[in-house]
Amino acid sequence: MFDTNRVEFLVAICALVTSAMAVYMAWDQGSVMRAQQHGAVFPVLQVDGFVEDNGRTTSIGINLGNSGVGPALIASVEFFVNDEKTERFDEYVDSLPGGYALSYQAISGRALAPGEIVTAIEIAWPNNAFDRSTISRIQGDSDAWSLEVC
């Protein structure tokens, strides 16, 4: 019926098509896996303001944390008050009531590991420095602060 050469040729063609499909599927799965790996190391930066009263001091500030699963490489940070960029943070701090302790960390050019939190800005006053209404006003003013992180 069929010539043996024709059957072997037909089997060879089927094997070639099957092999080509297997190579394409392997390549496609590899590209999907690379995309998943890239997405699995995505950093997630969170900028959170805080107010803390520990009994001795009242402090306000901003924390920067990486809640993602990959390192966050911070290129630049800009500080805003009422959505206006401030060139010098010291000018804003001078408008606050005196007697504070100021602490801030340079975070530009730094890498944040997953789960790491850095206190970018903290201003603390002794609890007896002024009355509760002044503390409430300062806390309200700090709501206008924001950081833009690149």
C-alpha atoms as a PDB file:
ATOM      1  CA  MET A   1       0.000   0.000   0.000  1.00  0.00           C
ATOM      2  CA  PHE A   2       2.241   2.740   1.245  1.00  0.00           C
ATOM      3  CA  ASP A   3       5.794   2.977   0.314  1.00  0.00           C
ATOM      4  CA  THR A   4       8.038   2.639   3.391  1.00  0.00           C
ATOM      5  CA  ASN A   5       9.935   5.793   2.473  1.00  0.00           C
ATOM      6  CA  ARG A   6       6.741   7.832   2.371  1.00  0.00           C
ATOM      7  CA  VAL A   7       5.685   6.639   5.842  1.00  0.00           C
ATOM      8  CA  GLU A   8       9.109   7.439   7.269  1.00  0.00           C
ATOM      9  CA  PHE A   9       9.015  10.863   5.578  1.00  0.00           C
ATOM     10  CA  LEU A  10       5.567  11.579   7.055  1.00  0.00           C
ATOM     11  CA  VAL A  11       6.740  10.494  10.540  1.00  0.00           C
ATOM     12  CA  ALA A  12       9.828  12.720  10.210  1.00  0.00           C
ATOM     13  CA  ILE A  13       7.707  15.738   9.232  1.00  0.00           C
ATOM     14  CA  CYS A  14       5.391  15.134  12.217  1.00  0.00           C
ATOM     15  CA  ALA A  15       8.412  14.841  14.542  1.00  0.00           C
ATOM     16  CA  LEU A  16       9.869  18.089  13.154  1.00  0.00           C
ATOM     17  CA  VAL A  17       6.592  19.988  13.679  1.00  0.00           C
ATOM     18  CA  THR A  18       6.243  18.562  17.206  1.00  0.00           C
ATOM     19  CA  SER A  19       9.838  19.528  18.047  1.00  0.00           C
ATOM     20  CA  ALA A  20       9.312  23.080  16.743  1.00  0.00           C
ATOM     21  CA  MET A  21       6.164  23.412  18.874  1.00  0.00           C
ATOM     22  CA  ALA A  22       8.021  22.126  21.958  1.00  0.00           C
ATOM     23  CA  VAL A  23      10.855  24.643  21.435  1.00  0.00           C
ATOM     24  CA  TYR A  24       8.342  27.505  21.083  1.00  0.00           C
ATOM     25  CA  MET A  25       6.490  26.439  24.236  1.00  0.00           C
ATOM     26  CA  ALA A  26       9.748  26.221  26.212  1.00  0.00           C
ATOM     27  CA  TRP A  27      10.792  29.694  25.019  1.00  0.00           C
ATOM     28  CA  ASP A  28       7.363  31.129  25.891  1.00  0.00           C
ATOM     29  CA  GLN A  29       7.390  29.570  29.381  1.00  0.00           C
ATOM     30  CA  GLY A  30      10.899  30.957  29.959  1.00  0.00           C
ATOM     31  CA  SER A  31       9.770  34.493  29.140  1.00  0.00           C
ATOM     32  CA  VAL A  32       6.771  34.114  31.473  1.00  0.00           C
ATOM     33  CA  MET A  33       9.056  32.895  34.271  1.00  0.00           C
ATOM     34  CA  ARG A  34      11.428  35.860  33.748  1.00  0.00           C
ATOM     35  CA  ALA A  35       8.486  38.261  34.001  1.00  0.00           C
ATOM     36  CA  GLN A  36       7.304  36.571  37.221  1.00  0.00           C
ATOM     37  CA  GLN A  37      10.783  36.746  38.734  1.00  0.00           C
ATOM     38  CA  HIS A  38      11.013  40.446  37.900  1.00  0.00           C
ATOM     39  CA  GLY A  39       7.611  41.109  39.469  1.00  0.00           C
ATOM     40  CA  ALA A  40       8.471  39.086  42.563  1.00  0.00           C
ATOM     41  CA  VAL A  41      11.240  41.510  43.623  1.00  0.00           C
ATOM     42  CA  PHE A  42       9.175  44.678  43.409  1.00  0.00           C
ATOM     43  CA  PRO A  43       9.793  47.226  46.210  1.00  0.00           C
ATOM     44  CA  VAL A  44       6.848  49.069  47.755  1.00  0.00           C
ATOM     45  CA  LEU A  45       7.766  52.311  49.518  1.00  0.00           C
ATOM     46  CA  GLN A  46       5.436  53.729  52.148  1.00  0.00           C
ATOM     47  CA  VAL A  47       5.716  57.243  53.531  1.00  0.00           C
ATOM     48  CA  ASP A  48       3.937  57.555  56.884  1.00  0.00           C
ATOM     49  CA  GLY A  49       3.644  60.542  59.164  1.00  0.00           C
ATOM     50  CA  PHE A  50       3.607  59.904  62.894  1.00  0.00           C
ATOM     51  CA  VAL A  51       2.867  61.611  66.191  1.00  0.00           C
ATOM     52  CA  GLU A  52       4.253  60.005  69.327  1.00  0.00           C
ATOM     53  CA  ASP A  53       3.814  60.850  72.987  1.00  0.00           C
ATOM     54  CA  ASN A  54       5.992  58.573  75.096  1.00  0.00           C
ATOM     55  CA  GLY A  55       5.466  60.323  78.439  1.00  0.00           C
ATOM     56  CA  ARG A  56       8.727  62.274  78.318  1.00  0.00           C
ATOM     57  CA  THR A  57       8.550  63.816  74.851  1.00  0.00           C
ATOM     58  CA  THR A  58       6.034  64.551  72.134  1.00  0.00           C
ATOM     59  CA  SER A  59       7.397  64.066  68.653  1.00  0.00           C
ATOM     60  CA  ILE A  60       6.180  64.354  65.086  1.00  0.00           C
ATOM     61  CA  GLY A  61       7.871  63.102  61.953  1.00  0.00           C
ATOM     62  CA  ILE A  62       7.918  61.034  58.807  1.00  0.00           C
ATOM     63  CA  ASN A  63       8.916  57.374  58.435  1.00  0.00           C
ATOM     64  CA  LEU A  64       9.893  55.796  55.131  1.00  0.00           C
ATOM     65  CA  GLY A  65       9.569  52.020  54.863  1.00  0.00           C
ATOM     66  CA  ASN A  66       9.882  49.290  52.250  1.00  0.00           C
ATOM     67  CA  SER A  67       7.000  46.847  52.573  1.00  0.00           C
ATOM     68  CA  GLY A  68       7.764  45.129  49.252  1.00  0.00           C
ATOM     69  CA  VAL A  69       9.848  42.044  48.609  1.00  0.00           C
ATOM     70  CA  GLY A  70      12.761  43.656  46.748  1.00  0.00           C
ATOM     71  CA  PRO A  71      15.290  46.343  47.622  1.00  0.00           C
ATOM     72  CA  ALA A  72      14.237  49.960  47.037  1.00  0.00           C
ATOM     73  CA  LEU A  73      16.964  52.114  45.506  1.00  0.00           C
ATOM     74  CA  ILE A  74      16.210  55.735  46.410  1.00  0.00           C
ATOM     75  CA  ALA A  75      17.519  58.238  43.880  1.00  0.00           C
ATOM     76  CA  SER A  76      16.072  61.445  45.320  1.00  0.00           C
ATOM     77  CA  VAL A  77      13.687  62.771  47.956  1.00  0.00           C
ATOM     78  CA  GLU A  78      11.875  66.097  48.011  1.00  0.00           C
ATOM     79  CA  PHE A  79      10.049  67.598  51.006  1.00  0.00           C
ATOM     80  CA  PHE A  80       6.756  69.437  50.510  1.00  0.00           C
ATOM     81  CA  VAL A  81       4.691  71.612  52.837  1.00  0.00           C
ATOM     82  CA  ASN A  82       1.140  72.309  51.603  1.00  0.00           C
ATOM     83  CA  ASP A  83       2.080  70.790  48.223  1.00  0.00           C
ATOM     84  CA  GLU A  84       4.880  73.353  47.780  1.00  0.00           C
ATOM     85  CA  LYS A  85       8.427  72.109  47.458  1.00  0.00           C
ATOM     86  CA  THR A  86      10.710  73.463  50.167  1.00  0.00           C
ATOM     87  CA  GLU A  87      14.308  74.059  49.224  1.00  0.00           C
ATOM     88  CA  ARG A  88      15.425  74.246  52.844  1.00  0.00           C
ATOM     89  CA  PHE A  89      13.715  72.290  55.605  1.00  0.00           C
ATOM     90  CA  ASP A  90      15.363  74.544  58.229  1.00  0.00           C
ATOM     91  CA  GLU A  91      13.214  77.506  57.154  1.00  0.00           C
ATOM     92  CA  TYR A  92      10.060  75.576  57.998  1.00  0.00           C
ATOM     93  CA  VAL A  93      11.433  74.245  61.289  1.00  0.00           C
ATOM     94  CA  ASP A  94      12.312  77.794  62.415  1.00  0.00           C
ATOM     95  CA  SER A  95       8.578  78.599  62.399  1.00  0.00           C
ATOM     96  CA  LEU A  96       7.889  75.902  65.043  1.00  0.00           C
ATOM     97  CA  PRO A  97       7.925  76.601  68.805  1.00  0.00           C
ATOM     98  CA  GLY A  98      11.436  76.500  70.263  1.00  0.00           C
ATOM     99  CA  GLY A  99      12.925  73.916  72.580  1.00  0.00           C
ATOM    100  CA  TYR A 100      12.776  71.039  70.102  1.00  0.00           C
ATOM    101  CA  ALA A 101      15.285  68.360  69.227  1.00  0.00           C
ATOM    102  CA  LEU A 102      15.552  67.850  65.464  1.00  0.00           C
ATOM    103  CA  SER A 103      16.659  64.612  63.858  1.00  0.00           C
ATOM    104  CA  TYR A 104      16.691  63.746  60.172  1.00  0.00           C
ATOM    105  CA  GLN A 105      18.494  61.254  57.994  1.00  0.00           C
ATOM    106  CA  ALA A 106      19.705  61.618  54.431  1.00  0.00           C
ATOM    107  CA  ILE A 107      17.924  58.925  52.465  1.00  0.00           C
ATOM    108  CA  SER A 108      18.813  59.929  48.895  1.00  0.00           C
ATOM    109  CA  GLY A 109      21.210  57.501  47.284  1.00  0.00           C
ATOM    110  CA  ARG A 110      20.431  54.758  49.768  1.00  0.00           C
ATOM    111  CA  ALA A 111      18.970  51.282  49.413  1.00  0.00           C
ATOM    112  CA  LEU A 112      16.159  50.141  51.705  1.00  0.00           C
ATOM    113  CA  ALA A 113      15.949  46.410  52.277  1.00  0.00           C
ATOM    114  CA  PRO A 114      12.525  44.751  52.463  1.00  0.00           C
ATOM    115  CA  GLY A 115      10.993  45.415  55.887  1.00  0.00           C
ATOM    116  CA  GLU A 116      13.414  48.257  56.695  1.00  0.00           C
ATOM    117  CA  ILE A 117      11.994  51.504  58.126  1.00  0.00           C
ATOM    118  CA  VAL A 118      13.905  54.778  58.340  1.00  0.00           C
ATOM    119  CA  THR A 119      12.814  57.834  60.311  1.00  0.00           C
ATOM    120  CA  ALA A 120      13.449  60.545  57.742  1.00  0.00           C
ATOM    121  CA  ILE A 121      12.399  63.478  59.969  1.00  0.00           C
ATOM    122  CA  GLU A 122      11.654  63.675  63.698  1.00  0.00           C
ATOM    123  CA  ILE A 123      11.049  66.764  65.817  1.00  0.00           C
ATOM    124  CA  ALA A 124      10.617  66.230  69.569  1.00  0.00           C
ATOM    125  CA  TRP A 125       9.671  68.549  72.440  1.00  0.00           C
ATOM    126  CA  PRO A 126       9.692  67.843  76.174  1.00  0.00           C
ATOM    127  CA  ASN A 127       6.132  67.152  77.339  1.00  0.00           C
ATOM    128  CA  ASN A 128       6.121  70.166  79.635  1.00  0.00           C
ATOM    129  CA  ALA A 129       7.401  72.620  76.961  1.00  0.00           C
ATOM    130  CA  PHE A 130       3.937  74.016  76.161  1.00  0.00           C
ATOM    131  CA  ASP A 131       0.227  73.303  76.553  1.00  0.00           C
ATOM    132  CA  ARG A 132      -1.853  70.660  74.812  1.00  0.00           C
ATOM    133  CA  SER A 133      -3.449  73.126  72.334  1.00  0.00           C
ATOM    134  CA  THR A 134      -0.001  74.047  70.962  1.00  0.00           C
ATOM    135  CA  ILE A 135       0.828  70.358  70.551  1.00  0.00           C
ATOM    136  CA  SER A 136      -2.472  69.832  68.716  1.00  0.00           C
ATOM    137  CA  ARG A 137      -1.709  72.778  66.412  1.00  0.00           C
ATOM    138  CA  ILE A 138       1.748  71.377  65.610  1.00  0.00           C
ATOM    139  CA  GLN A 139       0.250  67.952  64.939  1.00  0.00           C
ATOM    140  CA  GLY A 140      -2.298  69.541  62.605  1.00  0.00           C
ATOM    141  CA  ASP A 141       0.447  71.458  60.792  1.00  0.00           C
ATOM    142  CA  SER A 142       2.384  68.230  60.235  1.00  0.00           C
ATOM    143  CA  ASP A 143      -0.544  66.879  58.192  1.00  0.00           C
ATOM    144  CA  ALA A 144       0.579  69.283  55.451  1.00  0.00           C
ATOM    145  CA  TRP A 145       3.978  67.539  55.139  1.00  0.00           C
ATOM    146  CA  SER A 146       4.726  65.100  52.377  1.00  0.00           C
ATOM    147  CA  LEU A 147       7.715  63.453  50.724  1.00  0.00           C
ATOM    148  CA  GLU A 148       8.141  62.664  47.060  1.00  0.00           C
ATOM    149  CA  VAL A 149      10.468  59.707  46.678  1.00  0.00           C
ATOM    150  CA  CYS A 150      12.013  58.651  43.377  1.00  0.00           C
END
